[in-house]
Amino acid sequence: MFERDCMQPFFRALTGVLAVGAFAAGVPTPGGVAADAVPAGRSSTPSNAIVWKPCPQDAAAECGSLRLPIDWAHPSGSTFDLAVARRKATDPDRRVGVLLVNPGGPGDSGVDFAVRRAKAHFSADVQKRFDIIGFDPRGVGASQPVRCSQELLAQRPSAYPRSQGEFDQLANFNRALRQDCRRHSGPIFDHADTLSVVRDMDAIRRSLGEKEINYFGHSYGTLIGQQYAEQYGDRIRTMALTANIDHSLGAREFLVSSAVTAEDSFQQFVTWCDRTRSCALHGRDVTAVWDGLLARADRGEVQDPGNPDQALTANVITQVAFKAFYGPDWDGLATYVARLGAGELKERRQPQRLRISVPG
């Protein structure tokens, strides 16, 4: 399979957003000291400070944890350790403040993003002016992750029921899985909601001694940003959100809007392939090819090129396309469809190496 990081174009746009904010805020000149003898943007009363140590994956980044209540309604009750990572501003004299980030998911690791991915995604100017702060939301990664039985997960039925009986089987499995995960995870399971994550994020701000934060959120990370703004709007300096999700939508409306957008992206892909001679499917009825590929996948007739003994489902193929739409990476998608046997590859230029991860 081939992978491609679909978020990179979005992050590049942050240079202008955050740098403009930096100039508007009036960055102190080198050697200058604020009137209250506290560095710009800092609070004079940090609490529950994070103890930073070099990260095992990259000693240039710092890792630590912040002990927080599992239930914010009972702050003196049980606690958990929230995993946090930091890359300090590379030009301390021009430092503006902190940039908290969440790359989405839900389930993606903000710690991993800050340690391993931030340098490739943010411009040099952003890295000069901001401490980049990543954190694993509660229930994720190193922040007391939700745990479920592997044995039960191995019994998971298809997520795409074709009859009432299959639907009932899926519903019963989901109920059993919920109880299983609650039993294996403990109290954090019932407190892994977005509003609790928002409270955690403000606790990070306090622990860093910052009066305001800058925030970048992608996909699910936009929900965190939106709800942080609702709860703590006066504590935001700048905020940038990409692949925005409207948290006012119900589940049905959200899925319908996502499907409409995906169909629009697919039609743009078809149009591009029709007019682009280098497209691996140029000159063919791309829609018919696509429909035929998914029908073959439904019959178990499409093998994974990287693992010929494994058949690819229509859902896996669709997810690859959905990720390719983010770039967009139409050239890679056309090559991928052709490789799966939708048609013979035409003579064409060698495509750029792609890395689109296929969901498991």
Protein backbone atom coordinates (compact mmCIF):
# COMPACT_ATOMS: atom_id res chain seq x y z
CA MET A 1 0.00 0.00 0.00
CA PHE A 2 1.10 3.56 -0.35
CA GLU A 3 0.80 6.29 2.23
CA ARG A 4 0.63 10.01 2.06
CA ASP A 5 0.25 12.57 4.80
CA CYS A 6 -2.89 14.40 3.78
CA MET A 7 -2.61 17.28 6.21
CA GLN A 8 0.63 18.90 5.09
CA PRO A 9 -0.89 21.52 2.71
CA PHE A 10 -3.15 22.73 5.50
CA PHE A 11 -0.32 23.28 7.95
CA ARG A 12 1.72 25.34 5.52
CA ALA A 13 -1.04 27.93 5.48
CA LEU A 14 -0.52 28.56 9.18
CA THR A 15 2.60 30.63 8.60
CA GLY A 16 0.55 33.61 7.48
CA VAL A 17 -2.24 33.17 10.02
CA LEU A 18 0.00 32.89 13.05
CA ALA A 19 2.77 35.21 11.91
CA VAL A 20 0.29 38.02 11.19
CA GLY A 21 -1.05 37.52 14.68
CA ALA A 22 2.48 37.79 15.99
CA PHE A 23 3.01 41.20 14.43
CA ALA A 24 -0.40 42.38 15.61
CA ALA A 25 0.47 41.43 19.16
CA GLY A 26 3.64 43.51 19.16
CA VAL A 27 6.54 41.13 19.73
CA PRO A 28 9.02 42.50 22.30
CA THR A 29 12.40 43.57 20.99
CA PRO A 30 15.40 41.47 22.03
CA GLY A 31 16.36 42.22 25.61
CA GLY A 32 13.11 44.05 26.30
CA VAL A 33 11.27 43.30 29.56
CA ALA A 34 7.55 43.71 30.13
CA ALA A 35 6.41 46.22 32.72
CA ASP A 36 5.29 43.53 35.15
CA ALA A 37 8.62 41.65 34.79
CA VAL A 38 6.81 38.63 33.33
CA PRO A 39 7.69 37.43 29.78
CA ALA A 40 5.17 38.43 27.12
CA GLY A 41 2.06 36.29 27.23
CA ARG A 42 3.01 34.64 30.51
CA SER A 43 0.93 34.43 33.65
CA SER A 44 2.74 35.30 36.87
CA THR A 45 1.13 32.38 38.74
CA PRO A 46 1.71 29.06 36.97
CA SER A 47 0.33 26.08 38.87
CA ASN A 48 1.00 22.34 38.76
CA ALA A 49 4.01 22.89 36.48
CA ILE A 50 5.05 20.16 34.07
CA VAL A 51 8.46 18.60 34.69
CA TRP A 52 10.08 18.46 31.25
CA LYS A 53 12.62 15.86 30.14
CA PRO A 54 14.13 15.07 26.73
CA CYS A 55 11.76 12.88 24.71
CA PRO A 56 12.99 9.33 24.04
CA GLN A 57 12.13 9.66 20.33
CA ASP A 58 13.93 13.01 19.89
CA ALA A 59 16.03 14.66 22.58
CA ALA A 60 15.49 18.07 20.93
CA ALA A 61 11.85 17.88 22.05
CA GLU A 62 10.68 17.77 25.66
CA CYS A 63 8.15 15.40 27.16
CA GLY A 64 6.28 15.42 30.44
CA SER A 65 2.93 14.81 32.04
CA LEU A 66 0.30 16.74 33.94
CA ARG A 67 -1.74 15.09 36.67
CA LEU A 68 -5.40 16.01 36.28
CA PRO A 69 -8.75 14.91 37.69
CA ILE A 70 -10.58 12.20 35.78
CA ASP A 71 -13.88 13.94 36.58
CA TRP A 72 -13.65 17.72 36.51
CA ALA A 73 -16.90 17.87 38.50
CA HIS A 74 -14.95 16.25 41.35
CA PRO A 75 -11.44 17.76 41.09
CA SER A 76 -10.26 16.18 44.34
CA GLY A 77 -11.18 12.67 43.16
CA SER A 78 -9.26 10.14 41.08
CA THR A 79 -6.57 11.45 38.72
CA PHE A 80 -4.72 10.46 35.56
CA ASP A 81 -1.53 11.65 33.86
CA LEU A 82 -1.98 13.66 30.67
CA ALA A 83 0.97 13.17 28.30
CA VAL A 84 2.41 16.42 26.90
CA ALA A 85 5.29 17.29 24.54
CA ARG A 86 6.94 20.58 23.64
CA ARG A 87 9.21 21.97 20.96
CA LYS A 88 10.51 25.32 22.13
CA ALA A 89 10.57 28.33 19.83
CA THR A 90 13.82 28.25 17.88
CA ASP A 91 14.28 32.04 18.19
CA PRO A 92 13.61 32.84 21.87
CA ASP A 93 14.04 36.59 21.34
CA ARG A 94 11.13 36.59 18.89
CA ARG A 95 8.98 34.15 20.83
CA VAL A 96 5.28 35.04 20.79
CA GLY A 97 3.80 32.29 22.95
CA VAL A 98 2.59 28.70 22.86
CA LEU A 99 0.87 26.93 19.99
CA LEU A 100 -1.24 24.02 21.21
CA VAL A 101 -2.02 21.48 18.50
CA ASN A 102 -4.37 18.57 17.96
CA PRO A 103 -4.03 16.61 14.68
CA GLY A 104 -7.46 14.97 14.86
CA GLY A 105 -8.77 11.44 14.88
CA PRO A 106 -10.23 11.20 17.30
CA GLY A 107 -7.39 9.07 18.54
CA ASP A 108 -4.33 10.65 16.92
CA SER A 109 -1.46 11.43 19.28
CA GLY A 110 -0.65 15.09 19.80
CA VAL A 111 2.57 14.07 21.55
CA ASP A 112 3.71 12.10 18.52
CA PHE A 113 2.74 15.03 16.30
CA ALA A 114 4.81 17.53 18.30
CA VAL A 115 7.81 15.21 18.57
CA ARG A 116 7.95 13.57 15.15
CA ARG A 117 5.79 15.53 12.71
CA ALA A 118 5.62 19.21 13.67
CA LYS A 119 8.97 20.18 12.16
CA ALA A 120 7.88 18.94 8.75
CA HIS A 121 4.44 20.55 8.91
CA PHE A 122 4.97 24.02 10.34
CA SER A 123 6.98 26.69 8.57
CA ALA A 124 10.33 27.83 9.95
CA ASP A 125 8.74 31.17 10.87
CA VAL A 126 6.08 29.50 13.02
CA GLN A 127 8.73 27.34 14.68
CA LYS A 128 10.82 30.41 15.47
CA ARG A 129 7.99 32.23 17.24
CA PHE A 130 6.01 29.56 19.06
CA ASP A 131 6.56 26.76 21.52
CA ILE A 132 4.66 23.91 19.85
CA ILE A 133 2.72 21.96 22.48
CA GLY A 134 1.17 18.59 21.70
CA PHE A 135 -0.84 16.44 24.08
CA ASP A 136 -2.55 13.07 23.97
CA PRO A 137 -6.21 13.69 24.83
CA ARG A 138 -7.50 11.68 27.78
CA GLY A 139 -8.22 8.10 26.78
CA VAL A 140 -5.68 8.28 23.90
CA GLY A 141 -2.06 7.23 23.50
CA ALA A 142 -0.07 7.79 26.68
CA SER A 143 -2.93 9.56 28.51
CA GLN A 144 -4.51 6.51 30.18
CA PRO A 145 -5.84 5.05 26.91
CA VAL A 146 -9.21 3.35 26.65
CA ARG A 147 -8.59 -0.40 26.54
CA CYS A 148 -10.75 -3.16 25.08
CA SER A 149 -10.50 -6.93 24.83
CA GLN A 150 -8.59 -8.08 21.75
CA GLU A 151 -10.55 -11.32 21.83
CA LEU A 152 -13.83 -9.44 21.58
CA LEU A 153 -12.54 -7.10 18.87
CA ALA A 154 -11.54 -10.15 16.84
CA GLN A 155 -15.22 -11.12 16.76
CA ARG A 156 -16.30 -7.78 15.29
CA PRO A 157 -19.01 -8.21 12.64
CA SER A 158 -19.15 -6.17 9.46
CA ALA A 159 -19.76 -2.47 10.03
CA TYR A 160 -21.95 -2.51 6.90
CA PRO A 161 -24.99 -4.72 7.64
CA ARG A 162 -27.00 -5.94 4.66
CA SER A 163 -30.06 -7.17 6.57
CA GLN A 164 -31.98 -6.53 9.77
CA GLY A 165 -30.36 -9.61 11.27
CA GLU A 166 -26.85 -8.28 10.54
CA PHE A 167 -27.84 -4.87 11.89
CA ASP A 168 -29.06 -6.43 15.13
CA GLN A 169 -25.83 -8.42 15.38
CA LEU A 170 -23.78 -5.25 14.99
CA ALA A 171 -25.87 -3.37 17.56
CA ASN A 172 -25.49 -6.20 20.09
CA PHE A 173 -21.74 -6.31 19.47
CA ASN A 174 -21.44 -2.55 20.02
CA ARG A 175 -23.28 -2.83 23.35
CA ALA A 176 -21.03 -5.67 24.44
CA LEU A 177 -17.93 -3.76 23.33
CA ARG A 178 -18.98 -0.67 25.28
CA GLN A 179 -19.28 -2.71 28.49
CA ASP A 180 -16.01 -4.52 27.77
CA CYS A 181 -14.08 -1.28 27.18
CA ARG A 182 -15.57 0.30 30.30
CA ARG A 183 -14.54 -2.72 32.36
CA HIS A 184 -10.96 -2.72 31.03
CA SER A 185 -10.48 1.08 31.08
CA GLY A 186 -11.89 2.12 34.44
CA PRO A 187 -13.38 5.55 35.23
CA ILE A 188 -11.63 7.34 32.35
CA PHE A 189 -14.03 5.60 29.94
CA ASP A 190 -16.99 7.70 31.10
CA HIS A 191 -14.99 10.94 31.09
CA ALA A 192 -13.27 10.89 27.68
CA ASP A 193 -15.62 13.53 26.27
CA THR A 194 -14.55 16.62 24.36
CA LEU A 195 -15.56 19.09 27.08
CA SER A 196 -13.30 17.28 29.54
CA VAL A 197 -10.49 17.49 26.96
CA VAL A 198 -11.17 21.23 26.75
CA ARG A 199 -10.77 21.53 30.52
CA ASP A 200 -7.51 19.60 30.25
CA MET A 201 -6.29 21.98 27.57
CA ASP A 202 -6.91 24.97 29.80
CA ALA A 203 -5.05 23.17 32.59
CA ILE A 204 -2.08 22.92 30.22
CA ARG A 205 -2.31 26.68 29.65
CA ARG A 206 -2.25 27.31 33.40
CA SER A 207 0.62 24.90 33.98
CA LEU A 208 2.68 26.72 31.35
CA GLY A 209 1.94 30.07 32.98
CA GLU A 210 0.34 31.48 29.83
CA LYS A 211 -2.44 34.06 29.85
CA GLU A 212 -3.48 33.13 26.30
CA ILE A 213 -2.88 30.30 23.87
CA ASN A 214 -2.61 29.94 20.13
CA TYR A 215 -4.29 26.81 18.82
CA PHE A 216 -4.25 24.71 15.70
CA GLY A 217 -6.77 21.89 15.24
CA HIS A 218 -7.38 19.58 12.31
CA SER A 219 -10.50 17.43 11.76
CA TYR A 220 -11.61 16.25 15.23
CA GLY A 221 -9.18 18.82 16.61
CA THR A 222 -11.50 21.53 15.30
CA LEU A 223 -14.21 20.34 17.71
CA ILE A 224 -11.78 20.80 20.59
CA GLY A 225 -10.94 24.28 19.35
CA GLN A 226 -14.57 25.30 18.87
CA GLN A 227 -15.58 24.16 22.32
CA TYR A 228 -12.50 25.71 23.92
CA ALA A 229 -13.51 29.00 22.30
CA GLU A 230 -17.03 28.64 23.71
CA GLN A 231 -15.75 27.97 27.22
CA TYR A 232 -12.61 30.13 27.35
CA GLY A 233 -12.85 32.63 24.51
CA ASP A 234 -10.94 35.30 26.43
CA ARG A 235 -7.92 32.99 26.71
CA ILE A 236 -7.34 32.63 22.96
CA ARG A 237 -4.84 34.78 21.09
CA THR A 238 -5.18 33.12 17.66
CA MET A 239 -6.83 29.95 16.39
CA ALA A 240 -6.60 28.14 13.05
CA LEU A 241 -8.90 25.23 12.18
CA THR A 242 -8.74 23.03 9.07
CA ALA A 243 -11.05 20.23 7.87
CA ASN A 244 -13.62 21.90 10.06
CA ILE A 245 -16.39 19.88 11.72
CA ASP A 246 -19.63 21.58 12.72
CA HIS A 247 -20.33 20.27 16.22
CA SER A 248 -23.87 21.67 16.10
CA LEU A 249 -24.81 18.91 13.62
CA GLY A 250 -26.37 15.67 14.75
CA ALA A 251 -24.90 12.33 13.68
CA ARG A 252 -27.18 11.94 10.64
CA GLU A 253 -26.61 15.50 9.39
CA PHE A 254 -22.87 15.13 9.89
CA LEU A 255 -22.73 11.91 7.87
CA VAL A 256 -24.92 13.31 5.08
CA SER A 257 -22.80 16.47 4.76
CA SER A 258 -19.62 14.35 4.69
CA ALA A 259 -21.07 12.11 1.98
CA VAL A 260 -22.12 15.06 -0.17
CA THR A 261 -18.64 16.56 0.11
CA ALA A 262 -16.98 13.25 -0.76
CA GLU A 263 -19.20 12.85 -3.83
CA ASP A 264 -18.32 16.36 -4.96
CA SER A 265 -14.60 15.54 -4.57
CA PHE A 266 -15.08 12.34 -6.56
CA GLN A 267 -16.71 14.25 -9.42
CA GLN A 268 -13.76 16.66 -9.44
CA PHE A 269 -11.44 13.65 -9.66
CA VAL A 270 -13.43 12.30 -12.64
CA THR A 271 -13.26 15.67 -14.39
CA TRP A 272 -9.51 15.91 -13.79
CA CYS A 273 -8.91 12.41 -15.17
CA ASP A 274 -11.01 13.15 -18.27
CA ARG A 275 -8.87 16.15 -19.18
CA THR A 276 -5.45 14.91 -18.00
CA ARG A 277 -3.62 12.55 -20.34
CA SER A 278 -1.24 11.40 -17.58
CA CYS A 279 -4.13 10.03 -15.50
CA ALA A 280 -3.85 6.24 -15.29
CA LEU A 281 -7.56 5.98 -16.18
CA HIS A 282 -7.62 8.68 -18.87
CA GLY A 283 -9.95 7.86 -21.76
CA ARG A 284 -12.10 5.50 -19.71
CA ASP A 285 -15.44 5.93 -17.96
CA VAL A 286 -13.94 6.55 -14.52
CA THR A 287 -17.28 6.35 -12.71
CA ALA A 288 -18.04 2.96 -14.28
CA VAL A 289 -14.53 1.73 -13.48
CA TRP A 290 -14.93 2.82 -9.87
CA ASP A 291 -18.37 1.24 -9.49
CA GLY A 292 -17.09 -1.98 -11.02
CA LEU A 293 -14.10 -2.05 -8.67
CA LEU A 294 -16.32 -1.68 -5.58
CA ALA A 295 -18.69 -4.39 -6.88
CA ARG A 296 -15.74 -6.76 -7.32
CA ALA A 297 -14.53 -5.89 -3.83
CA ASP A 298 -17.97 -6.72 -2.44
CA ARG A 299 -17.59 -10.17 -4.02
CA GLY A 300 -14.13 -10.61 -2.47
CA GLU A 301 -12.37 -10.47 -5.85
CA VAL A 302 -9.91 -7.60 -5.21
CA GLN A 303 -6.57 -8.58 -3.68
CA ASP A 304 -4.27 -6.30 -1.72
CA PRO A 305 -1.21 -5.72 -3.98
CA GLY A 306 1.00 -5.69 -0.89
CA ASN A 307 -0.56 -8.87 0.50
CA PRO A 308 -2.07 -10.99 -2.28
CA ASP A 309 -3.58 -13.44 0.21
CA GLN A 310 -5.80 -10.71 1.63
CA ALA A 311 -8.89 -9.37 -0.10
CA LEU A 312 -9.66 -5.66 0.09
CA THR A 313 -13.17 -4.59 1.05
CA ALA A 314 -15.04 -1.84 -0.72
CA ASN A 315 -14.87 0.19 2.50
CA VAL A 316 -11.06 0.05 2.63
CA ILE A 317 -10.82 1.14 -1.01
CA THR A 318 -13.29 3.98 -0.39
CA GLN A 319 -11.30 5.16 2.62
CA VAL A 320 -8.14 5.35 0.49
CA ALA A 321 -10.04 7.54 -1.98
CA PHE A 322 -11.44 9.69 0.81
CA LYS A 323 -7.92 10.38 2.11
CA ALA A 324 -6.66 11.10 -1.41
CA PHE A 325 -9.31 13.82 -1.75
CA TYR A 326 -7.66 15.79 1.07
CA GLY A 327 -4.57 16.77 -0.96
CA PRO A 328 -6.04 16.31 -3.41
CA ASP A 329 -3.89 13.49 -4.75
CA TRP A 330 -5.84 12.50 -7.85
CA ASP A 331 -2.77 11.18 -9.66
CA GLY A 332 -2.09 8.73 -6.84
CA LEU A 333 -5.72 7.69 -6.59
CA ALA A 334 -5.93 6.92 -10.31
CA THR A 335 -2.76 4.83 -10.10
CA TYR A 336 -4.10 3.01 -7.05
CA VAL A 337 -7.41 2.14 -8.77
CA ALA A 338 -5.55 0.94 -11.84
CA ARG A 339 -3.22 -1.22 -9.72
CA LEU A 340 -6.21 -2.97 -8.18
CA GLY A 341 -7.09 -4.34 -11.58
CA ALA A 342 -9.63 -1.77 -12.74
CA GLY A 343 -7.74 -1.55 -16.02
CA GLU A 344 -4.32 -1.84 -17.57
CA LEU A 345 -1.99 0.99 -16.69
CA LYS A 346 -1.45 3.31 -19.62
CA GLU A 347 1.96 4.53 -20.66
CA ARG A 348 2.49 7.51 -18.37
CA ARG A 349 5.06 9.40 -16.41
CA GLN A 350 6.37 7.88 -13.19
CA PRO A 351 4.11 9.20 -10.40
CA GLN A 352 5.45 10.86 -7.28
CA ARG A 353 5.94 8.30 -4.50
CA LEU A 354 2.76 8.27 -2.44
CA ARG A 355 1.97 7.17 1.08
CA ILE A 356 -1.72 6.87 1.73
CA SER A 357 -2.33 4.67 4.75
CA VAL A 358 -5.10 2.14 4.41
CA PRO A 359 -7.26 1.75 7.54
CA GLY A 360 -6.99 -1.60 9.22
